[in-house]
Protein backbone atom coordinates (compact mmCIF):
# COMPACT_ATOMS: atom_id res chain seq x y z
CA MET A 1 7.76 7.79 -35.51
CA LEU A 2 11.59 7.77 -35.35
CA ASP A 3 11.50 9.80 -32.15
CA ILE A 4 8.94 7.41 -30.66
CA LEU A 5 11.11 4.39 -31.55
CA GLU A 6 14.15 6.07 -30.00
CA ILE A 7 12.28 6.64 -26.72
CA LEU A 8 10.98 3.05 -26.81
CA GLN A 9 14.52 1.72 -27.28
CA GLN A 10 15.88 3.63 -24.29
CA GLN A 11 12.96 2.52 -22.12
CA ALA A 12 13.23 -1.15 -23.15
CA ILE A 13 16.99 -1.39 -22.67
CA SER A 14 16.78 0.30 -19.29
CA GLU A 15 14.13 -2.16 -18.06
CA LEU A 16 16.03 -5.11 -19.55
CA GLU A 17 19.15 -4.26 -17.56
CA ASN A 18 17.06 -4.25 -14.36
CA ALA A 19 15.54 -7.70 -15.03
CA ASN A 20 17.28 -9.92 -12.45
CA SER A 21 15.36 -13.17 -12.83
CA ARG A 22 13.99 -15.29 -15.61
CA PRO A 23 10.33 -14.55 -14.71
CA GLU A 24 11.10 -10.80 -14.94
CA LEU A 25 12.85 -11.41 -18.26
CA ASP A 26 9.81 -13.26 -19.62
CA SER A 27 7.57 -10.38 -18.56
CA TRP A 28 9.87 -7.93 -20.37
CA ARG A 29 9.77 -10.04 -23.57
CA ILE A 30 5.98 -10.16 -23.53
CA LYS A 31 5.76 -6.41 -22.86
CA TYR A 32 7.99 -5.37 -25.78
CA LEU A 33 8.26 -8.29 -28.22
CA GLY A 34 5.03 -10.19 -27.66
CA ARG A 35 2.12 -10.30 -30.09
CA LYS A 36 0.53 -7.40 -28.25
CA GLY A 37 3.84 -5.83 -27.19
CA LEU A 38 4.74 -2.17 -27.52
CA LEU A 39 7.12 -2.66 -30.47
CA THR A 40 4.60 -4.85 -32.28
CA GLN A 41 2.00 -2.12 -31.94
CA LYS A 42 4.40 0.40 -33.44
CA LEU A 43 5.12 -1.89 -36.38
CA ARG A 44 1.40 -2.19 -37.11
CA ARG A 45 1.00 1.64 -37.17
CA ILE A 46 3.62 2.09 -39.90
CA SER A 47 0.92 1.54 -42.51
CA GLU A 48 -0.84 4.67 -41.20
CA LEU A 49 2.17 6.90 -41.99
CA PRO A 50 2.55 8.89 -45.25
CA VAL A 51 3.95 6.75 -48.05
CA GLU A 52 7.28 8.56 -48.17
CA GLN A 53 7.91 7.95 -44.41
CA ARG A 54 7.08 4.24 -44.34
CA PRO A 55 10.43 2.79 -45.62
CA GLN A 56 12.52 4.75 -43.17
CA ALA A 57 10.19 4.01 -40.21
CA GLY A 58 9.94 0.30 -41.12
CA ALA A 59 13.70 -0.10 -41.34
CA ALA A 60 14.16 1.66 -37.99
CA ALA A 61 11.50 -0.54 -36.31
CA ASN A 62 13.07 -3.75 -37.67
CA ARG A 63 16.52 -2.65 -36.47
CA LEU A 64 15.05 -1.97 -33.04
CA LYS A 65 13.38 -5.40 -33.00
CA ALA A 66 16.61 -7.15 -33.91
CA LEU A 67 18.49 -5.14 -31.25
CA LEU A 68 15.98 -6.00 -28.52
CA GLU A 69 15.97 -9.70 -29.45
CA GLU A 70 19.78 -9.74 -29.34
CA ARG A 71 19.88 -7.95 -26.00
CA HIS A 72 17.18 -10.28 -24.65
CA ALA A 73 19.16 -13.40 -25.65
CA ALA A 74 22.34 -12.00 -24.12
CA ARG A 75 20.55 -11.11 -20.89
CA HIS A 76 18.92 -14.58 -20.75
CA GLU A 77 22.27 -16.30 -21.09
CA ALA A 78 23.79 -14.05 -18.43
CA LEU A 79 20.99 -14.89 -15.98
CA ILE A 80 21.44 -18.63 -16.55
CA LYS A 81 25.17 -18.36 -15.90
CA ASP A 82 24.53 -16.30 -12.78
CA GLU A 83 22.02 -18.87 -11.44
CA LEU A 84 24.48 -21.68 -12.11
CA ARG A 85 27.26 -19.79 -10.39
CA LYS A 86 25.10 -19.21 -7.31
CA LYS A 87 24.03 -22.85 -7.24
CA LEU A 88 27.61 -24.06 -7.47
CA GLU A 89 28.61 -21.65 -4.75
CA GLU A 90 25.83 -22.90 -2.45
CA THR A 91 26.57 -26.58 -3.07
CA ARG A 92 30.32 -26.30 -3.19
CA ILE A 93 32.10 -29.19 -1.49
CA ASP A 94 34.90 -28.37 0.86
CA VAL A 95 37.27 -31.25 0.19
CA THR A 96 39.17 -30.42 3.39
CA LEU A 97 36.17 -31.40 5.56
CA PRO A 98 35.82 -34.98 6.83
CA GLY A 99 33.46 -37.17 4.80
CA ARG A 100 29.83 -37.58 5.80
CA PRO A 101 29.24 -40.88 7.61
CA VAL A 102 27.34 -43.50 5.63
CA ARG A 103 24.42 -44.96 7.55
CA LEU A 104 24.73 -48.72 7.51
CA GLY A 105 21.76 -51.06 7.42
CA ARG A 106 21.23 -53.84 9.93
CA LEU A 107 20.22 -57.44 9.60
CA HIS A 108 16.76 -58.26 10.91
CA PRO A 109 16.97 -59.92 14.37
CA THR A 110 15.40 -63.08 12.95
CA THR A 111 18.03 -63.18 10.21
CA GLN A 112 20.75 -62.68 12.80
CA ILE A 113 19.58 -65.57 14.97
CA LEU A 114 19.00 -67.74 11.88
CA ARG A 115 22.59 -67.24 10.74
CA HIS A 116 23.98 -67.71 14.23
CA THR A 117 21.99 -70.88 14.84
CA SER A 118 22.89 -72.31 11.43
CA SER A 119 26.58 -71.61 12.04
CA ILE A 120 26.46 -73.50 15.35
CA PHE A 121 25.02 -76.62 13.75
CA ALA A 122 27.24 -76.26 10.68
CA SER A 123 30.27 -76.35 12.97
CA MET A 124 28.96 -79.69 14.27
CA GLY A 125 28.80 -81.15 10.76
CA PHE A 126 25.19 -80.42 9.79
CA GLU A 127 24.26 -79.38 6.25
CA VAL A 128 21.83 -76.50 5.71
CA VAL A 129 19.03 -77.05 3.17
CA GLU A 130 15.73 -75.34 2.38
CA GLY A 131 12.43 -76.58 1.01
CA PRO A 132 9.10 -75.38 -0.42
CA GLU A 133 6.73 -73.33 1.71
CA VAL A 134 3.68 -74.61 -0.17
CA GLU A 135 3.45 -78.32 0.62
CA THR A 136 1.21 -81.30 -0.01
CA ASP A 137 -0.80 -82.98 2.70
CA TYR A 138 1.38 -86.06 2.18
CA TYR A 139 4.68 -84.44 3.15
CA ASN A 140 3.24 -82.14 5.81
CA PHE A 141 1.20 -84.79 7.61
CA GLU A 142 0.82 -88.30 6.22
CA ALA A 143 4.49 -89.12 5.66
CA LEU A 144 5.17 -87.87 9.18
CA ASN A 145 2.92 -90.48 10.73
CA ILE A 146 -0.15 -88.19 10.86
CA PRO A 147 -2.78 -89.79 8.58
CA ARG A 148 -6.12 -88.19 7.76
CA GLY A 149 -8.42 -88.14 10.75
CA HIS A 150 -5.52 -88.40 13.20
CA PRO A 151 -6.22 -86.19 16.26
CA ALA A 152 -2.64 -84.87 16.17
CA ARG A 153 -3.61 -82.77 13.14
CA ASP A 154 -5.39 -80.46 15.56
CA MET A 155 -1.95 -79.48 16.92
CA TRP A 156 -1.43 -77.42 13.76
CA ASP A 157 -3.95 -74.82 12.56
CA THR A 158 -3.55 -75.30 8.84
CA LEU A 159 -3.85 -72.80 5.99
CA TRP A 160 -5.17 -74.88 3.07
CA VAL A 161 -4.44 -73.77 -0.49
CA ASP A 162 -6.77 -76.22 -2.25
CA SER A 163 -8.52 -79.51 -1.63
CA ALA A 164 -7.90 -82.95 -3.08
CA ASN A 165 -8.87 -83.07 -6.75
CA GLU A 166 -10.79 -85.71 -8.70
CA LYS A 167 -7.60 -87.65 -9.42
CA GLY A 168 -7.14 -88.24 -5.71
CA GLU A 169 -4.01 -86.09 -5.50
CA TYR A 170 -3.06 -84.72 -2.11
CA PRO A 171 -4.39 -81.24 -1.24
CA MET A 172 -1.94 -78.32 -1.02
CA LEU A 173 -1.32 -76.24 2.07
CA MET A 174 1.06 -73.69 3.56
CA ARG A 175 3.46 -75.84 5.55
CA THR A 176 2.74 -75.77 9.26
CA HIS A 177 6.26 -76.87 10.27
CA THR A 178 9.62 -77.51 8.61
CA SER A 179 9.40 -81.28 9.27
CA PRO A 180 8.23 -82.09 5.68
CA MET A 181 11.81 -81.45 4.57
CA GLN A 182 12.83 -84.49 6.66
CA ILE A 183 10.92 -86.72 4.26
CA ARG A 184 11.98 -84.88 1.11
CA PHE A 185 15.63 -85.03 2.12
CA MET A 186 15.59 -88.71 3.13
CA GLU A 187 13.89 -89.63 -0.15
CA ARG A 188 16.90 -88.24 -2.02
CA ARG A 189 19.72 -89.24 0.29
CA GLN A 190 20.92 -92.42 1.93
CA PRO A 191 22.38 -92.41 5.47
CA PRO A 192 24.48 -91.10 7.09
CA ILE A 193 22.52 -87.83 7.29
CA ARG A 194 23.08 -84.71 9.38
CA VAL A 195 21.05 -81.75 8.19
CA ILE A 196 19.18 -78.67 9.44
CA MET A 197 16.28 -77.14 7.55
CA PRO A 198 15.35 -73.52 8.42
CA GLY A 199 12.41 -71.67 6.88
CA LYS A 200 9.06 -69.94 7.26
CA VAL A 201 5.99 -71.80 8.48
CA TYR A 202 2.35 -70.73 8.55
CA ARG A 203 -0.53 -71.21 10.96
CA TYR A 204 -4.18 -70.24 10.71
CA GLU A 205 -4.59 -68.70 14.12
CA ALA A 206 -5.35 -65.41 15.82
CA VAL A 207 -2.34 -63.12 16.15
CA ASP A 208 -1.44 -62.02 19.66
CA ALA A 209 1.66 -61.39 21.78
CA THR A 210 2.76 -65.04 21.61
CA HIS A 211 1.26 -66.21 18.29
CA GLU A 212 1.92 -65.20 14.68
CA SER A 213 0.44 -66.53 11.46
CA MET A 214 3.93 -66.65 9.94
CA PHE A 215 7.18 -67.33 11.77
CA TYR A 216 10.49 -69.15 11.36
CA GLN A 217 11.41 -72.65 12.44
CA ILE A 218 14.60 -74.66 12.16
CA GLU A 219 14.41 -78.42 11.86
CA GLY A 220 17.28 -80.81 12.55
CA LEU A 221 17.71 -84.42 11.47
CA ALA A 222 20.42 -87.05 11.92
CA VAL A 223 20.17 -90.65 10.68
CA ASP A 224 22.86 -93.32 10.79
CA ARG A 225 23.68 -96.70 12.25
CA GLY A 226 23.67 -96.78 16.02
CA ILE A 227 22.35 -93.27 16.77
CA THR A 228 20.83 -93.12 20.25
CA MET A 229 19.06 -90.70 22.55
CA ALA A 230 22.45 -89.91 24.06
CA ASP A 231 23.55 -88.44 20.67
CA LEU A 232 20.44 -86.26 20.60
CA LYS A 233 20.98 -85.02 24.15
CA GLY A 234 24.67 -84.31 23.57
CA THR A 235 24.00 -82.40 20.34
CA LEU A 236 21.28 -80.22 21.84
CA TYR A 237 23.23 -79.66 25.05
CA GLU A 238 26.19 -78.36 23.05
CA PHE A 239 23.86 -76.16 20.98
CA ALA A 240 22.30 -74.63 24.11
CA ARG A 241 25.71 -73.90 25.64
CA ARG A 242 27.00 -72.19 22.49
CA LEU A 243 23.84 -70.13 22.07
CA PHE A 244 22.95 -69.20 25.64
CA GLY A 245 26.26 -69.53 27.48
CA GLN A 246 28.71 -72.19 28.61
CA ASP A 247 27.21 -72.43 32.11
CA ARG A 248 23.77 -73.51 30.88
CA ARG A 249 22.03 -76.54 32.34
CA VAL A 250 19.49 -78.49 30.32
CA ARG A 251 16.47 -80.59 31.17
CA PHE A 252 14.68 -83.20 29.06
CA ARG A 253 11.12 -84.29 29.78
CA CYS A 254 8.86 -86.68 27.89
CA ASP A 255 6.54 -85.13 25.30
CA TYR A 256 4.45 -86.34 22.36
CA PHE A 257 5.11 -85.71 18.67
CA PRO A 258 3.65 -88.14 16.10
CA PHE A 259 6.84 -88.46 14.07
CA VAL A 260 9.23 -89.31 16.93
CA GLU A 261 9.29 -92.05 19.54
CA PRO A 262 10.20 -91.35 22.25
CA GLY A 263 9.56 -87.61 22.14
CA VAL A 264 11.00 -85.03 24.52
CA GLU A 265 10.90 -81.33 25.25
CA MET A 266 14.14 -79.60 26.08
CA ALA A 267 14.42 -76.73 28.55
CA ILE A 268 17.35 -74.70 29.79
CA ASP A 269 17.83 -73.13 33.19
CA CYS A 270 16.75 -69.50 33.10
CA PHE A 271 19.72 -67.31 32.20
CA ILE A 272 18.02 -64.29 33.77
CA CYS A 273 17.34 -65.57 37.28
CA LYS A 274 19.72 -68.58 37.24
CA GLY A 275 16.86 -70.91 38.18
CA GLU A 276 15.43 -68.81 41.01
CA GLY A 277 12.24 -67.91 39.15
CA CYS A 278 11.37 -64.69 37.29
CA ARG A 279 8.98 -63.20 34.75
CA VAL A 280 10.84 -64.66 31.77
CA CYS A 281 10.66 -68.26 33.02
CA LYS A 282 7.25 -67.66 34.67
CA GLY A 283 8.67 -68.50 38.06
CA GLU A 284 9.69 -72.05 37.13
CA GLY A 285 13.43 -71.51 36.73
CA TRP A 286 13.37 -73.39 33.40
CA ILE A 287 12.62 -72.22 29.86
CA GLU A 288 11.40 -74.65 27.20
CA ILE A 289 13.17 -73.99 23.89
CA LEU A 290 12.43 -76.93 21.56
CA GLY A 291 10.87 -80.31 20.95
CA ALA A 292 12.80 -83.37 19.82
CA GLY A 293 12.94 -87.16 19.81
CA MET A 294 14.07 -90.31 18.05
CA VAL A 295 12.69 -90.62 14.51
CA HIS A 296 9.67 -92.93 14.50
CA PRO A 297 10.33 -96.29 12.80
CA ASP A 298 7.24 -95.82 10.60
CA VAL A 299 8.72 -92.57 9.27
CA LEU A 300 11.95 -94.40 8.40
CA ARG A 301 10.01 -97.14 6.63
CA ARG A 302 8.14 -94.52 4.64
CA VAL A 303 11.43 -93.48 2.95
CA ASN A 304 12.68 -97.07 2.61
CA TYR A 305 15.11 -96.93 5.52
CA ASP A 306 15.30 -100.14 7.49
CA PRO A 307 14.66 -99.22 11.17
CA GLU A 308 16.45 -102.43 12.17
CA ILE A 309 19.63 -100.96 10.69
CA TYR A 310 19.23 -97.18 10.95
CA THR A 311 18.09 -94.94 13.75
CA GLY A 312 17.96 -91.18 13.97
CA PHE A 313 16.92 -88.14 15.93
CA ALA A 314 15.03 -84.97 14.98
CA PHE A 315 14.39 -81.65 16.66
CA GLY A 316 12.63 -78.39 15.88
CA LEU A 317 12.49 -74.93 17.42
CA GLY A 318 10.88 -71.58 16.67
CA LEU A 319 13.61 -69.06 15.84
CA GLU A 320 11.77 -65.98 17.12
CA ARG A 321 11.54 -67.63 20.52
CA ILE A 322 15.32 -67.46 20.94
CA PRO A 323 15.71 -63.64 20.76
CA MET A 324 12.47 -63.26 22.74
CA LEU A 325 14.03 -65.24 25.56
CA LYS A 326 17.53 -63.83 25.16
CA TYR A 327 16.48 -60.17 25.12
CA GLY A 328 13.28 -60.27 27.16
CA ILE A 329 10.97 -59.44 24.22
CA ASP A 330 7.37 -60.06 25.28
CA ASP A 331 5.52 -59.62 21.97
CA ILE A 332 6.32 -61.67 18.84
CA ARG A 333 4.45 -59.15 16.66
CA LEU A 334 7.32 -56.68 17.11
CA PHE A 335 9.51 -58.74 14.78
CA TYR A 336 7.29 -58.06 11.77
CA SER A 337 5.76 -54.67 12.57
CA ASN A 338 8.61 -52.85 10.76
CA ASP A 339 9.05 -50.46 13.69
CA LEU A 340 12.59 -49.12 13.28
CA ARG A 341 12.74 -48.15 16.96
CA PHE A 342 12.57 -51.85 17.76
CA LEU A 343 14.70 -53.19 14.90
CA GLU A 344 17.56 -50.71 15.38
CA GLN A 345 18.27 -52.20 18.81
CA PHE A 346 19.71 -55.30 17.15
């Protein structure tokens, strides 16, 4: 038995020294120290020896077990240190090399134009405020001179949240324009007022290259004594020059909006073809960018402003339309498709 244990020790230590990975080390432990390992089998056969040989053989087997466990632990620790050394060597940082560039994010093109547009009006003395996206029928339509049954409601494809309840309260909807903030702001503030109101608006309509169910608008409002159409035209003309270039020409033509009287549409001369006619302006030489007008007297009365004392103007434009015109983008869906190839251009 002692000779057998001696041979087993030499064999085990030799194989242990050749174990160069932790899986190989685990296989070695199972082979020699496991429940069915070679050393365990030898320990179980000690009971078959003559009585006088058992103490000596048992002591030798236990010494061998302790030796192998000690060698196994030492080898395991050495392998861990070697793996760590290799990993540190592979991932070592050369502090003499230049640093890796950090990839910077970009603002969404709509956010860029929103900030730029807001800064233009802010420099002209306009405040910037925001309002709720879920509105009541009262603020979205009725207070803006669009009562129930008015045909102008068909101008906005509305996403209704709920209907009027038994108490007769106004139904809720996703706002179809930012104009409701005109009423909310005038209810809380007395003239003089100069404010812009950017935000998301929602329409229940089919999505295509020129229509989205959600997009951004920016509303403007000014109310004071003696405000005239000339103030509206001068403000919007200055805005167009700052946004599209100092050589821009503007054109105002009559248009209808229920909450202004008179109402106008504003167009600028095409900055691509300089008025000659091209694909962007559809051959007309002019590009419509917004609607505007003098605040309707009934709207002023609704918020307890005396239209005999105060007058005002309002305007509204779709923000996505500005970069579409400025950069020749022909599909509004690109703004919200999350295609980085498109977004990284801005």
